[in-house]
Amino acid sequence: MTYFYIALVFVASFLSGCADTAGSHQLIGSPMSSSQADRFSDLVITVKADKHVTLNQTDTDRMTKLIVADIKTTSPKRFKTINTGVPGSTTLNASVAIKNYDEGSAFARFMMIGLGQMHIDAEVTLADSLSNEKMARYEVNKTFAWHGFYGALTDIKDTEVGFCKAVADSIIGKD
């Protein structure tokens, strides 16, 4: 009977993890007004890494797809098009500059909470595609630090899901 409770606790802690919960986004400067936001019916998202961050094209494409999927799920009628067509006067550019992409250590996460943390940090800039006028900027962060088997079995791709939710929230103006 004791093994049953241990197994139950293990399964419950594994299923209640936080790798894919949304990260945080913080507005830097003044927000985009609703009248400004209503001007844009199209969206172009670019994800790129700072020169000191190692990400390949597959990684940035995967994150772009996650951000697009989150926007379409959270706010399906907000944009007519996302990453299609030629940018025009109704196009909002969302530039996601990855500042930190730390995969941490699975072994350290297994050993103790707080060790081997994974971090993804970025700056999201929303700008008018024609004038390149900056409409808003956000700092977006996601950290994962669970321990035990859940921490050891979670990788950076799981953490990207929560990070991309926060990026999508900043683009659509969700608090």
N, C-alpha and C. Protein backbone atom coordinates (compact mmCIF):
# COMPACT_ATOMS: atom_id res chain seq x y z
N MET A 1 0.82 -1.19 0.00
CA MET A 1 0.00 0.00 0.00
C MET A 1 0.87 1.26 0.00
N THR A 2 2.00 1.22 0.67
CA THR A 2 2.90 2.37 0.71
C THR A 2 3.42 2.70 -0.68
N TYR A 3 3.72 1.67 -1.48
CA TYR A 3 4.20 1.89 -2.84
C TYR A 3 3.14 2.58 -3.69
N PHE A 4 1.89 2.27 -3.42
CA PHE A 4 0.80 2.90 -4.16
C PHE A 4 0.80 4.41 -3.91
N TYR A 5 0.95 4.82 -2.66
CA TYR A 5 0.98 6.25 -2.33
C TYR A 5 2.20 6.96 -2.91
N ILE A 6 3.32 6.29 -2.88
CA ILE A 6 4.53 6.86 -3.47
C ILE A 6 4.34 7.04 -4.97
N ALA A 7 3.79 6.03 -5.62
CA ALA A 7 3.53 6.13 -7.06
C ALA A 7 2.51 7.23 -7.35
N LEU A 8 1.49 7.35 -6.52
CA LEU A 8 0.46 8.38 -6.70
C LEU A 8 1.07 9.78 -6.58
N VAL A 9 1.92 9.99 -5.59
CA VAL A 9 2.58 11.28 -5.41
C VAL A 9 3.48 11.57 -6.61
N PHE A 10 4.20 10.57 -7.07
CA PHE A 10 5.08 10.75 -8.23
C PHE A 10 4.28 11.15 -9.47
N VAL A 11 3.20 10.45 -9.74
CA VAL A 11 2.38 10.75 -10.92
C VAL A 11 1.74 12.13 -10.78
N ALA A 12 1.23 12.47 -9.60
CA ALA A 12 0.60 13.78 -9.40
C ALA A 12 1.60 14.91 -9.58
N SER A 13 2.81 14.75 -9.05
CA SER A 13 3.79 15.81 -9.20
C SER A 13 4.26 15.92 -10.65
N PHE A 14 4.32 14.80 -11.36
CA PHE A 14 4.73 14.83 -12.76
C PHE A 14 3.69 15.54 -13.62
N LEU A 15 2.42 15.29 -13.36
CA LEU A 15 1.34 15.86 -14.16
C LEU A 15 1.04 17.31 -13.80
N SER A 16 1.48 17.78 -12.67
CA SER A 16 1.16 19.15 -12.25
C SER A 16 2.31 20.11 -12.47
N GLY A 17 3.19 19.79 -13.38
CA GLY A 17 4.38 20.61 -13.61
C GLY A 17 4.08 21.94 -14.24
N CYS A 18 5.12 22.76 -14.34
CA CYS A 18 4.92 24.13 -14.81
C CYS A 18 5.72 24.47 -16.05
N ALA A 19 6.29 23.51 -16.73
CA ALA A 19 7.14 23.83 -17.89
C ALA A 19 6.36 24.54 -18.97
N ASP A 20 5.10 24.16 -19.17
CA ASP A 20 4.35 24.77 -20.26
C ASP A 20 3.40 25.87 -19.82
N THR A 21 3.42 26.26 -18.54
CA THR A 21 2.63 27.41 -18.13
C THR A 21 3.29 28.67 -18.66
N ALA A 22 2.48 29.69 -18.90
CA ALA A 22 3.00 30.91 -19.52
C ALA A 22 4.10 31.55 -18.68
N GLY A 23 5.09 32.07 -19.36
CA GLY A 23 6.13 32.85 -18.71
C GLY A 23 5.58 34.22 -18.38
N SER A 24 6.45 35.15 -18.09
CA SER A 24 5.99 36.50 -17.75
C SER A 24 6.39 37.48 -18.84
N HIS A 25 5.57 38.50 -19.01
CA HIS A 25 5.93 39.57 -19.93
C HIS A 25 5.69 40.90 -19.22
N GLN A 26 6.65 41.79 -19.40
CA GLN A 26 6.64 43.09 -18.73
C GLN A 26 6.79 44.18 -19.78
N LEU A 27 5.87 45.12 -19.78
CA LEU A 27 5.92 46.23 -20.71
C LEU A 27 7.11 47.13 -20.38
N ILE A 28 7.86 47.52 -21.39
CA ILE A 28 8.97 48.47 -21.24
C ILE A 28 8.50 49.75 -21.92
N GLY A 29 8.33 50.81 -21.19
CA GLY A 29 7.86 52.06 -21.78
C GLY A 29 6.35 52.13 -21.82
N SER A 30 5.83 52.91 -22.75
CA SER A 30 4.39 53.11 -22.81
C SER A 30 3.73 52.05 -23.68
N PRO A 31 2.47 51.71 -23.36
CA PRO A 31 1.77 50.68 -24.12
C PRO A 31 1.24 51.22 -25.45
N MET A 32 0.93 50.30 -26.33
CA MET A 32 0.30 50.66 -27.60
C MET A 32 -1.18 50.93 -27.30
N SER A 33 -1.70 52.05 -27.77
CA SER A 33 -3.10 52.38 -27.52
C SER A 33 -4.00 51.46 -28.34
N SER A 34 -5.25 51.35 -27.94
CA SER A 34 -6.18 50.49 -28.67
C SER A 34 -6.42 51.01 -30.08
N SER A 35 -6.40 52.34 -30.26
CA SER A 35 -6.58 52.89 -31.62
C SER A 35 -5.39 52.53 -32.50
N GLN A 36 -4.18 52.52 -31.93
CA GLN A 36 -3.00 52.10 -32.68
C GLN A 36 -3.10 50.62 -33.02
N ALA A 37 -3.47 49.81 -32.05
CA ALA A 37 -3.56 48.36 -32.25
C ALA A 37 -4.62 48.01 -33.29
N ASP A 38 -5.72 48.75 -33.30
CA ASP A 38 -6.81 48.47 -34.26
C ASP A 38 -6.41 48.74 -35.70
N ARG A 39 -5.36 49.53 -35.92
CA ARG A 39 -4.86 49.82 -37.27
C ARG A 39 -4.30 48.59 -37.96
N PHE A 40 -3.84 47.63 -37.16
CA PHE A 40 -3.12 46.48 -37.70
C PHE A 40 -4.00 45.24 -37.78
N SER A 41 -4.17 44.74 -39.00
CA SER A 41 -4.95 43.52 -39.20
C SER A 41 -4.05 42.35 -39.62
N ASP A 42 -2.79 42.66 -39.90
CA ASP A 42 -1.84 41.63 -40.32
C ASP A 42 -0.63 41.66 -39.39
N LEU A 43 0.03 40.51 -39.29
CA LEU A 43 1.14 40.38 -38.35
C LEU A 43 2.28 39.60 -39.00
N VAL A 44 3.49 40.08 -38.78
CA VAL A 44 4.70 39.35 -39.19
C VAL A 44 5.55 39.17 -37.93
N ILE A 45 5.87 37.91 -37.63
CA ILE A 45 6.66 37.59 -36.44
C ILE A 45 8.03 37.08 -36.89
N THR A 46 9.08 37.65 -36.31
CA THR A 46 10.43 37.14 -36.55
C THR A 46 11.07 36.83 -35.20
N VAL A 47 11.64 35.66 -35.11
CA VAL A 47 12.37 35.24 -33.91
C VAL A 47 13.82 35.09 -34.30
N LYS A 48 14.69 35.80 -33.59
CA LYS A 48 16.12 35.68 -33.86
C LYS A 48 16.88 35.74 -32.55
N ALA A 49 18.06 35.17 -32.56
CA ALA A 49 18.88 35.12 -31.36
C ALA A 49 19.95 36.21 -31.41
N ASP A 50 20.25 36.78 -30.24
CA ASP A 50 21.40 37.68 -30.14
C ASP A 50 22.65 36.91 -30.52
N LYS A 51 23.71 37.62 -30.88
CA LYS A 51 24.92 36.96 -31.37
C LYS A 51 25.57 36.03 -30.35
N HIS A 52 25.37 36.26 -29.06
CA HIS A 52 25.99 35.39 -28.06
C HIS A 52 25.12 34.19 -27.68
N VAL A 53 23.92 34.08 -28.29
CA VAL A 53 23.00 32.98 -28.01
C VAL A 53 23.06 31.99 -29.16
N THR A 54 23.19 30.71 -28.83
CA THR A 54 23.27 29.68 -29.86
C THR A 54 21.90 29.07 -30.12
N LEU A 55 21.32 29.46 -31.24
CA LEU A 55 20.06 28.88 -31.70
C LEU A 55 20.19 28.66 -33.20
N ASN A 56 19.63 27.57 -33.68
CA ASN A 56 19.67 27.35 -35.12
C ASN A 56 18.30 27.69 -35.73
N GLN A 57 18.20 27.62 -37.03
CA GLN A 57 16.98 27.98 -37.75
C GLN A 57 15.81 27.10 -37.33
N THR A 58 16.05 25.83 -37.06
CA THR A 58 15.00 24.92 -36.62
C THR A 58 14.40 25.39 -35.29
N ASP A 59 15.25 25.85 -34.37
CA ASP A 59 14.78 26.34 -33.07
C ASP A 59 13.92 27.58 -33.23
N THR A 60 14.39 28.53 -34.02
CA THR A 60 13.62 29.78 -34.18
C THR A 60 12.32 29.52 -34.95
N ASP A 61 12.34 28.62 -35.92
CA ASP A 61 11.12 28.26 -36.64
C ASP A 61 10.11 27.61 -35.72
N ARG A 62 10.58 26.71 -34.84
CA ARG A 62 9.70 26.03 -33.89
C ARG A 62 9.03 27.04 -32.96
N MET A 63 9.81 27.99 -32.45
CA MET A 63 9.24 29.00 -31.56
C MET A 63 8.26 29.90 -32.30
N THR A 64 8.58 30.25 -33.53
CA THR A 64 7.66 31.08 -34.32
C THR A 64 6.33 30.36 -34.48
N LYS A 65 6.36 29.07 -34.81
CA LYS A 65 5.12 28.29 -34.97
C LYS A 65 4.33 28.23 -33.67
N LEU A 66 5.02 28.09 -32.53
CA LEU A 66 4.33 28.06 -31.24
C LEU A 66 3.65 29.40 -30.95
N ILE A 67 4.33 30.50 -31.25
CA ILE A 67 3.76 31.83 -31.01
C ILE A 67 2.53 32.03 -31.89
N VAL A 68 2.63 31.67 -33.17
CA VAL A 68 1.49 31.80 -34.08
C VAL A 68 0.32 30.96 -33.59
N ALA A 69 0.58 29.73 -33.20
CA ALA A 69 -0.49 28.85 -32.71
C ALA A 69 -1.16 29.44 -31.46
N ASP A 70 -0.36 30.00 -30.56
CA ASP A 70 -0.93 30.60 -29.34
C ASP A 70 -1.81 31.81 -29.67
N ILE A 71 -1.37 32.64 -30.61
CA ILE A 71 -2.17 33.80 -30.99
C ILE A 71 -3.49 33.35 -31.62
N LYS A 72 -3.41 32.36 -32.49
CA LYS A 72 -4.62 31.86 -33.16
C LYS A 72 -5.59 31.20 -32.17
N THR A 73 -5.06 30.60 -31.13
CA THR A 73 -5.90 29.97 -30.11
C THR A 73 -6.49 31.00 -29.16
N THR A 74 -5.65 31.91 -28.67
CA THR A 74 -6.06 32.88 -27.67
C THR A 74 -6.94 33.98 -28.25
N SER A 75 -6.59 34.45 -29.42
CA SER A 75 -7.30 35.57 -30.02
C SER A 75 -7.46 35.32 -31.53
N PRO A 76 -8.32 34.36 -31.89
CA PRO A 76 -8.38 33.91 -33.29
C PRO A 76 -8.79 34.98 -34.30
N LYS A 77 -9.51 36.00 -33.87
CA LYS A 77 -9.98 37.02 -34.81
C LYS A 77 -9.14 38.30 -34.77
N ARG A 78 -8.07 38.31 -34.01
CA ARG A 78 -7.26 39.53 -33.85
C ARG A 78 -6.56 39.92 -35.15
N PHE A 79 -5.96 38.97 -35.85
CA PHE A 79 -5.24 39.26 -37.08
C PHE A 79 -5.82 38.44 -38.23
N LYS A 80 -5.98 39.10 -39.40
CA LYS A 80 -6.45 38.40 -40.60
C LYS A 80 -5.39 37.43 -41.09
N THR A 81 -4.15 37.92 -41.14
CA THR A 81 -3.05 37.08 -41.61
C THR A 81 -1.88 37.16 -40.63
N ILE A 82 -1.16 36.06 -40.53
CA ILE A 82 0.06 36.01 -39.72
C ILE A 82 1.14 35.34 -40.56
N ASN A 83 2.21 36.07 -40.79
CA ASN A 83 3.38 35.59 -41.55
C ASN A 83 3.03 35.13 -42.96
N THR A 84 2.07 35.81 -43.58
CA THR A 84 1.74 35.52 -44.98
C THR A 84 1.61 36.83 -45.74
N GLY A 85 1.83 36.76 -47.02
CA GLY A 85 1.66 37.95 -47.85
C GLY A 85 2.79 38.95 -47.71
N VAL A 86 2.59 40.07 -48.38
CA VAL A 86 3.58 41.14 -48.39
C VAL A 86 3.19 42.17 -47.33
N PRO A 87 4.14 42.54 -46.44
CA PRO A 87 3.81 43.54 -45.42
C PRO A 87 3.34 44.85 -46.05
N GLY A 88 2.32 45.44 -45.45
CA GLY A 88 1.76 46.69 -45.95
C GLY A 88 1.43 47.64 -44.82
N SER A 89 0.54 48.58 -45.10
CA SER A 89 0.20 49.61 -44.12
C SER A 89 -0.57 49.06 -42.92
N THR A 90 -1.12 47.86 -43.03
CA THR A 90 -1.87 47.28 -41.91
C THR A 90 -1.08 46.17 -41.21
N THR A 91 0.22 46.12 -41.47
CA THR A 91 1.04 45.04 -40.92
C THR A 91 1.82 45.50 -39.70
N LEU A 92 1.71 44.71 -38.64
CA LEU A 92 2.47 44.92 -37.41
C LEU A 92 3.63 43.94 -37.41
N ASN A 93 4.83 44.44 -37.21
CA ASN A 93 6.01 43.58 -37.08
C ASN A 93 6.25 43.29 -35.61
N ALA A 94 6.38 42.02 -35.29
CA ALA A 94 6.73 41.59 -33.94
C ALA A 94 8.09 40.93 -34.01
N SER A 95 9.09 41.60 -33.48
CA SER A 95 10.46 41.10 -33.50
C SER A 95 10.79 40.54 -32.12
N VAL A 96 11.14 39.27 -32.07
CA VAL A 96 11.47 38.60 -30.81
C VAL A 96 12.97 38.35 -30.80
N ALA A 97 13.69 39.10 -29.97
CA ALA A 97 15.14 38.96 -29.87
C ALA A 97 15.48 38.14 -28.62
N ILE A 98 15.93 36.91 -28.84
CA ILE A 98 16.27 36.01 -27.74
C ILE A 98 17.59 36.48 -27.12
N LYS A 99 17.54 36.84 -25.84
CA LYS A 99 18.71 37.35 -25.13
C LYS A 99 19.42 36.26 -24.32
N ASN A 100 18.66 35.25 -23.89
CA ASN A 100 19.21 34.17 -23.07
C ASN A 100 18.44 32.89 -23.39
N TYR A 101 19.16 31.82 -23.64
CA TYR A 101 18.56 30.52 -23.94
C TYR A 101 19.42 29.48 -23.26
N ASP A 102 19.12 29.22 -21.98
CA ASP A 102 19.95 28.35 -21.15
C ASP A 102 19.21 27.06 -20.86
N GLU A 103 19.73 25.94 -21.38
CA GLU A 103 19.09 24.65 -21.21
C GLU A 103 19.29 24.05 -19.82
N GLY A 104 20.18 24.62 -19.03
CA GLY A 104 20.40 24.12 -17.68
C GLY A 104 20.97 22.70 -17.69
N SER A 105 20.83 22.02 -16.55
CA SER A 105 21.35 20.66 -16.40
C SER A 105 20.26 19.75 -15.85
N ALA A 106 19.90 18.72 -16.62
CA ALA A 106 18.87 17.77 -16.19
C ALA A 106 19.30 17.04 -14.92
N PHE A 107 20.57 16.68 -14.83
CA PHE A 107 21.06 15.99 -13.64
C PHE A 107 20.94 16.88 -12.40
N ALA A 108 21.33 18.14 -12.53
CA ALA A 108 21.24 19.06 -11.39
C ALA A 108 19.78 19.29 -10.99
N ARG A 109 18.88 19.39 -11.98
CA ARG A 109 17.45 19.55 -11.66
C ARG A 109 16.93 18.32 -10.93
N PHE A 110 17.40 17.15 -11.32
CA PHE A 110 16.99 15.92 -10.65
C PHE A 110 17.40 15.94 -9.18
N MET A 111 18.59 16.45 -8.91
CA MET A 111 19.15 16.40 -7.56
C MET A 111 18.46 17.34 -6.57
N MET A 112 18.21 18.58 -6.98
CA MET A 112 17.67 19.54 -6.01
C MET A 112 16.95 20.68 -6.73
N ILE A 113 15.86 21.12 -6.13
CA ILE A 113 15.10 22.23 -6.68
C ILE A 113 15.96 23.48 -6.75
N GLY A 114 15.88 24.19 -7.84
CA GLY A 114 16.64 25.42 -8.01
C GLY A 114 17.95 25.23 -8.75
N LEU A 115 18.46 24.01 -8.77
CA LEU A 115 19.70 23.74 -9.50
C LEU A 115 19.37 23.39 -10.95
N GLY A 116 20.25 23.71 -11.84
CA GLY A 116 20.09 23.32 -13.23
C GLY A 116 18.94 23.98 -13.95
N GLN A 117 18.55 25.16 -13.50
CA GLN A 117 17.39 25.86 -14.07
C GLN A 117 17.54 26.10 -15.56
N MET A 118 16.39 26.13 -16.24
CA MET A 118 16.34 26.52 -17.64
C MET A 118 15.77 27.93 -17.70
N HIS A 119 16.34 28.76 -18.57
CA HIS A 119 15.89 30.15 -18.73
C HIS A 119 15.78 30.49 -20.21
N ILE A 120 14.72 31.22 -20.54
CA ILE A 120 14.62 31.83 -21.87
C ILE A 120 14.18 33.27 -21.61
N ASP A 121 14.95 34.22 -22.12
CA ASP A 121 14.65 35.65 -21.98
C ASP A 121 14.71 36.29 -23.36
N ALA A 122 13.79 37.24 -23.58
CA ALA A 122 13.77 37.93 -24.87
C ALA A 122 13.20 39.32 -24.72
N GLU A 123 13.43 40.12 -25.75
CA GLU A 123 12.78 41.41 -25.86
C GLU A 123 11.91 41.36 -27.10
N VAL A 124 10.64 41.69 -26.93
CA VAL A 124 9.68 41.70 -28.03
C VAL A 124 9.41 43.16 -28.39
N THR A 125 9.63 43.50 -29.66
CA THR A 125 9.39 44.85 -30.14
C THR A 125 8.28 44.80 -31.18
N LEU A 126 7.25 45.61 -30.96
CA LEU A 126 6.14 45.72 -31.90
C LEU A 126 6.32 47.03 -32.66
N ALA A 127 6.33 46.94 -33.99
CA ALA A 127 6.60 48.13 -34.81
C ALA A 127 5.72 48.12 -36.06
N ASP A 128 5.43 49.32 -36.54
CA ASP A 128 4.72 49.51 -37.81
C ASP A 128 5.65 49.05 -38.93
N SER A 129 5.15 48.21 -39.81
CA SER A 129 6.03 47.65 -40.85
C SER A 129 6.49 48.68 -41.88
N LEU A 130 5.70 49.71 -42.15
CA LEU A 130 6.10 50.70 -43.15
C LEU A 130 7.03 51.76 -42.58
N SER A 131 6.63 52.35 -41.46
CA SER A 131 7.44 53.44 -40.90
C SER A 131 8.52 52.95 -39.94
N ASN A 132 8.40 51.70 -39.49
CA ASN A 132 9.29 51.11 -38.50
C ASN A 132 9.18 51.82 -37.14
N GLU A 133 8.10 52.57 -36.95
CA GLU A 133 7.85 53.23 -35.66
C GLU A 133 7.56 52.17 -34.61
N LYS A 134 8.28 52.24 -33.50
CA LYS A 134 8.09 51.28 -32.40
C LYS A 134 6.80 51.63 -31.65
N MET A 135 5.93 50.65 -31.55
CA MET A 135 4.63 50.82 -30.88
C MET A 135 4.70 50.40 -29.41
N ALA A 136 5.44 49.34 -29.14
CA ALA A 136 5.56 48.84 -27.77
C ALA A 136 6.75 47.88 -27.69
N ARG A 137 7.29 47.75 -26.47
CA ARG A 137 8.37 46.80 -26.21
C ARG A 137 8.06 46.04 -24.93
N TYR A 138 8.40 44.76 -24.94
CA TYR A 138 8.17 43.90 -23.78
C TYR A 138 9.42 43.11 -23.47
N GLU A 139 9.60 42.84 -22.20
CA GLU A 139 10.61 41.91 -21.73
C GLU A 139 9.86 40.63 -21.39
N VAL A 140 10.28 39.52 -21.97
CA VAL A 140 9.58 38.25 -21.76
C VAL A 140 10.57 37.25 -21.17
N ASN A 141 10.13 36.54 -20.11
CA ASN A 141 10.99 35.58 -19.41
C ASN A 141 10.23 34.30 -19.10
N LYS A 142 10.96 33.20 -19.10
CA LYS A 142 10.43 31.92 -18.63
C LYS A 142 11.57 31.17 -17.97
N THR A 143 11.32 30.71 -16.75
CA THR A 143 12.29 29.93 -16.00
C THR A 143 11.63 28.64 -15.55
N PHE A 144 12.36 27.56 -15.59
CA PHE A 144 11.88 26.27 -15.10
C PHE A 144 12.91 25.72 -14.15
N ALA A 145 12.47 25.34 -12.93
CA ALA A 145 13.43 24.89 -11.92
C ALA A 145 12.93 23.72 -11.08
N TRP A 146 11.94 22.97 -11.57
CA TRP A 146 11.46 21.82 -10.80
C TRP A 146 12.57 20.81 -10.59
N HIS A 147 12.39 19.99 -9.59
CA HIS A 147 13.41 18.98 -9.30
C HIS A 147 12.82 17.58 -9.45
N GLY A 148 13.61 16.60 -9.13
CA GLY A 148 13.16 15.21 -9.19
C GLY A 148 13.07 14.71 -10.62
N PHE A 149 12.27 13.65 -10.78
CA PHE A 149 12.15 13.06 -12.11
C PHE A 149 11.53 14.04 -13.10
N TYR A 150 10.56 14.81 -12.65
CA TYR A 150 9.92 15.77 -13.56
C TYR A 150 10.94 16.78 -14.07
N GLY A 151 11.78 17.29 -13.19
CA GLY A 151 12.81 18.23 -13.60
C GLY A 151 13.83 17.61 -14.54
N ALA A 152 14.18 16.36 -14.27
CA ALA A 152 15.17 15.68 -15.10
C ALA A 152 14.62 15.32 -16.48
N LEU A 153 13.32 15.04 -16.56
CA LEU A 153 12.72 14.62 -17.82
C LEU A 153 12.19 15.78 -18.66
N THR A 154 12.23 16.97 -18.13
CA THR A 154 11.76 18.15 -18.85
C THR A 154 12.94 18.78 -19.57
N ASP A 155 12.72 19.15 -20.83
CA ASP A 155 13.81 19.80 -21.56
C ASP A 155 13.39 21.19 -22.01
N ILE A 156 14.29 21.88 -22.66
CA ILE A 156 14.09 23.27 -23.04
C ILE A 156 12.90 23.44 -23.98
N LYS A 157 12.61 22.44 -24.81
CA LYS A 157 11.47 22.53 -25.72
C LYS A 157 10.16 22.60 -24.95
N ASP A 158 10.08 21.92 -23.81
CA ASP A 158 8.89 22.02 -22.96
C ASP A 158 8.76 23.43 -22.39
N THR A 159 9.88 24.02 -22.03
CA THR A 159 9.89 25.37 -21.47
C THR A 159 9.56 26.40 -22.56
N GLU A 160 9.93 26.13 -23.79
CA GLU A 160 9.61 27.03 -24.90
C GLU A 160 8.10 27.25 -25.03
N VAL A 161 7.32 26.23 -24.72
CA VAL A 161 5.86 26.33 -24.84
C VAL A 161 5.35 27.47 -23.96
N GLY A 162 5.77 27.51 -22.71
CA GLY A 162 5.35 28.58 -21.80
C GLY A 162 5.92 29.93 -22.19
N PHE A 163 7.16 29.92 -22.67
CA PHE A 163 7.78 31.16 -23.13
C PHE A 163 6.99 31.74 -24.30
N CYS A 164 6.65 30.91 -25.26
CA CYS A 164 5.94 31.37 -26.45
C CYS A 164 4.53 31.86 -26.11
N LYS A 165 3.91 31.28 -25.09
CA LYS A 165 2.61 31.79 -24.63
C LYS A 165 2.75 33.23 -24.14
N ALA A 166 3.80 33.51 -23.40
CA ALA A 166 4.03 34.86 -22.90
C ALA A 166 4.33 35.84 -24.04
N VAL A 167 5.07 35.38 -25.04
CA VAL A 167 5.34 36.24 -26.21
C VAL A 167 4.02 36.54 -26.92
N ALA A 168 3.20 35.52 -27.14
CA ALA A 168 1.90 35.72 -27.79
C ALA A 168 1.03 36.69 -27.00
N ASP A 169 1.03 36.55 -25.67
CA ASP A 169 0.24 37.46 -24.82
C ASP A 169 0.71 38.90 -24.98
N SER A 170 2.02 39.10 -25.09
CA SER A 170 2.53 40.47 -25.26
C SER A 170 2.12 41.03 -26.62
N ILE A 171 2.12 40.21 -27.64
CA ILE A 171 1.75 40.69 -28.99
C ILE A 171 0.29 41.09 -29.06
N ILE A 172 -0.58 40.30 -28.44
CA ILE A 172 -2.02 40.62 -28.51
C ILE A 172 -2.45 41.61 -27.43
N GLY A 173 -1.51 41.97 -26.55
CA GLY A 173 -1.82 42.96 -25.53
C GLY A 173 -2.56 42.41 -24.33
N LYS A 174 -2.42 41.12 -24.09
CA LYS A 174 -3.08 40.48 -22.95
C LYS A 174 -2.26 40.70 -21.68
N ASP A 175 -2.93 41.09 -20.63
CA ASP A 175 -2.23 41.28 -19.35
C ASP A 175 -2.07 40.02 -18.58
